[in-house]
C-alpha cells in the first residue's frame, strides 16, 4: 500500500490558508504539530491504517485534538483530511454542516479516527 502523507510544512501551509483576517496565526507550541503528526506515524507503524480513509481520518483527529495552532484547528483538520483524500485519489463533495458537525465531534472526542474513517467511506460512496 502506497499512501501520500502530509508533511508538517504542508499542514502549516494549509492552516495559514484557512485563517480569516484578524485570526491568530502560528503554532500554539513549536512541537505540538510534530507531536500530533507523530500520532499518525504511530498508527501507520502499528498497522492501524489500511487505506486513505484511515489516513485522512487519523490526520483530522490528530490535528483537531492536538490544538497545534493558535486558531483554526478544526478548519485545518478538515482541510488536511480533504487534501489527504485528494492526494490519494479520493474526492468527496462535502455537505458543510455535516462535515462541520463531524469535525467538531472529533475535536470533542465524541468520535475517534476509526469512526471518522467509516464516516468518510460512506460519504465517498454517495
Protein backbone atom coordinates (compact mmCIF):
# COMPACT_ATOMS: atom_id res chain seq x y z
CA UNK A 1 0.00 0.00 0.00
CA UNK A 2 1.43 3.34 -1.03
CA UNK A 3 -0.19 6.37 0.55
CA UNK A 4 0.70 10.04 0.16
CA UNK A 5 1.44 11.55 3.59
CA UNK A 6 1.18 15.16 4.73
CA UNK A 7 4.48 16.69 5.88
CA UNK A 8 4.40 19.32 8.65
CA UNK A 9 5.18 22.20 6.27
CA UNK A 10 2.14 21.32 4.12
CA UNK A 11 -0.10 21.11 7.21
CA UNK A 12 1.18 24.51 8.31
CA UNK A 13 0.53 25.98 4.84
CA UNK A 14 -2.99 24.54 4.89
CA UNK A 15 -3.51 26.12 8.30
CA UNK A 16 -2.34 29.51 7.05
CA UNK A 17 -4.78 29.26 4.12
CA UNK A 18 -7.86 28.66 6.31
CA UNK A 19 -7.37 31.63 8.61
CA UNK A 20 -9.53 34.70 8.26
CA UNK A 21 -8.18 38.21 8.63
CA UNK A 22 -7.61 39.06 12.29
CA UNK A 23 -7.30 35.46 13.49
CA UNK A 24 -4.21 34.38 15.39
CA UNK A 25 -1.55 32.96 13.12
CA UNK A 26 1.13 30.48 14.00
CA UNK A 27 1.56 27.41 16.12
CA UNK A 28 0.38 27.14 19.71
CA UNK A 29 3.65 25.48 20.72
CA UNK A 30 6.59 24.64 18.48
CA UNK A 31 6.49 20.86 18.86
CA UNK A 32 2.76 20.27 19.12
CA UNK A 33 2.28 19.89 15.37
CA UNK A 34 5.04 17.31 15.09
CA UNK A 35 3.62 15.54 18.15
CA UNK A 36 0.16 15.40 16.60
CA UNK A 37 1.54 14.15 13.29
CA UNK A 38 3.60 11.54 15.14
CA UNK A 39 0.28 10.03 16.27
CA UNK A 40 -0.46 9.38 12.59
CA UNK A 41 3.03 7.90 12.08
CA UNK A 42 2.48 5.56 15.04
CA UNK A 43 -0.85 4.38 13.62
CA UNK A 44 0.95 3.64 10.34
CA UNK A 45 3.79 1.82 12.10
CA UNK A 46 1.40 -0.38 14.07
CA UNK A 47 -0.75 -1.31 11.08
CA UNK A 48 -3.77 0.72 12.17
CA UNK A 49 -4.06 2.47 8.81
CA UNK A 50 -5.27 0.30 5.96
CA UNK A 51 -6.33 2.86 3.39
CA UNK A 52 -6.62 6.56 2.55
CA UNK A 53 -9.80 6.90 4.62
CA UNK A 54 -7.97 5.69 7.73
CA UNK A 55 -5.07 8.03 6.96
CA UNK A 56 -7.23 11.11 6.35
CA UNK A 57 -9.24 10.42 9.49
CA UNK A 58 -6.07 9.98 11.55
CA UNK A 59 -4.79 13.36 10.35
CA UNK A 60 -8.10 15.07 11.07
CA UNK A 61 -8.40 13.67 14.60
CA UNK A 62 -4.74 14.33 15.44
CA UNK A 63 -4.94 17.95 14.28
CA UNK A 64 -8.40 18.66 15.71
CA UNK A 65 -7.49 17.30 19.13
CA UNK A 66 -3.83 18.35 19.12
CA UNK A 67 -4.55 22.09 19.37
CA UNK A 68 -1.40 22.68 17.34
CA UNK A 69 -2.31 26.17 16.20
CA UNK A 70 -3.43 29.36 17.89
CA UNK A 71 -6.61 29.45 15.81
CA UNK A 72 -8.32 27.40 13.10
CA UNK A 73 -7.54 23.89 14.35
CA UNK A 74 -10.85 22.33 13.27
CA UNK A 75 -10.79 24.04 9.86
CA UNK A 76 -7.20 22.88 9.42
CA UNK A 77 -8.23 19.35 10.41
CA UNK A 78 -10.96 19.34 7.79
CA UNK A 79 -8.77 20.79 5.04
CA UNK A 80 -5.95 18.34 5.81
CA UNK A 81 -8.44 15.48 5.70
CA UNK A 82 -9.69 16.72 2.33
CA UNK A 83 -6.20 17.28 0.91
CA UNK A 84 -5.08 13.84 2.11
CA UNK A 85 -8.03 12.21 0.38
CA UNK A 86 -7.42 14.23 -2.81
CA UNK A 87 -3.71 13.35 -2.87
CA UNK A 88 -4.69 9.70 -2.52
CA UNK A 89 -7.24 9.79 -5.35
CA UNK A 90 -10.48 10.24 -3.41
CA UNK A 91 -12.81 13.17 -3.91
CA UNK A 92 -15.80 13.84 -1.68
CA UNK A 93 -18.44 16.54 -2.19
CA UNK A 94 -18.82 17.90 1.35
CA UNK A 95 -22.03 19.00 2.99
CA UNK A 96 -20.73 21.94 5.02
CA UNK A 97 -22.95 21.40 8.05
CA UNK A 98 -22.43 17.63 8.09
CA UNK A 99 -18.64 17.79 7.88
CA UNK A 100 -18.50 20.70 10.33
CA UNK A 101 -20.53 18.80 12.92
CA UNK A 102 -18.40 15.71 12.39
CA UNK A 103 -15.09 17.56 12.83
CA UNK A 104 -16.45 19.21 15.98
CA UNK A 105 -17.42 15.76 17.30
CA UNK A 106 -13.90 14.52 16.58
CA UNK A 107 -12.34 17.55 18.30
CA UNK A 108 -14.51 16.90 21.36
CA UNK A 109 -13.56 13.21 21.47
CA UNK A 110 -17.10 12.05 20.66
CA UNK A 111 -15.83 10.06 17.66
CA UNK A 112 -12.42 8.53 17.08
CA UNK A 113 -10.33 8.05 13.95
CA UNK A 114 -11.98 4.71 13.13
CA UNK A 115 -15.46 6.24 13.39
CA UNK A 116 -14.37 9.13 11.19
CA UNK A 117 -12.82 6.78 8.61
CA UNK A 118 -16.07 4.82 8.44
CA UNK A 119 -17.99 8.09 8.05
CA UNK A 120 -15.66 9.06 5.18
CA UNK A 121 -16.18 5.72 3.43
CA UNK A 122 -19.94 6.28 3.47
CA UNK A 123 -19.56 9.83 2.10
CA UNK A 124 -17.26 8.61 -0.68
CA UNK A 125 -19.88 6.08 -1.74
CA UNK A 126 -22.68 8.66 -2.02
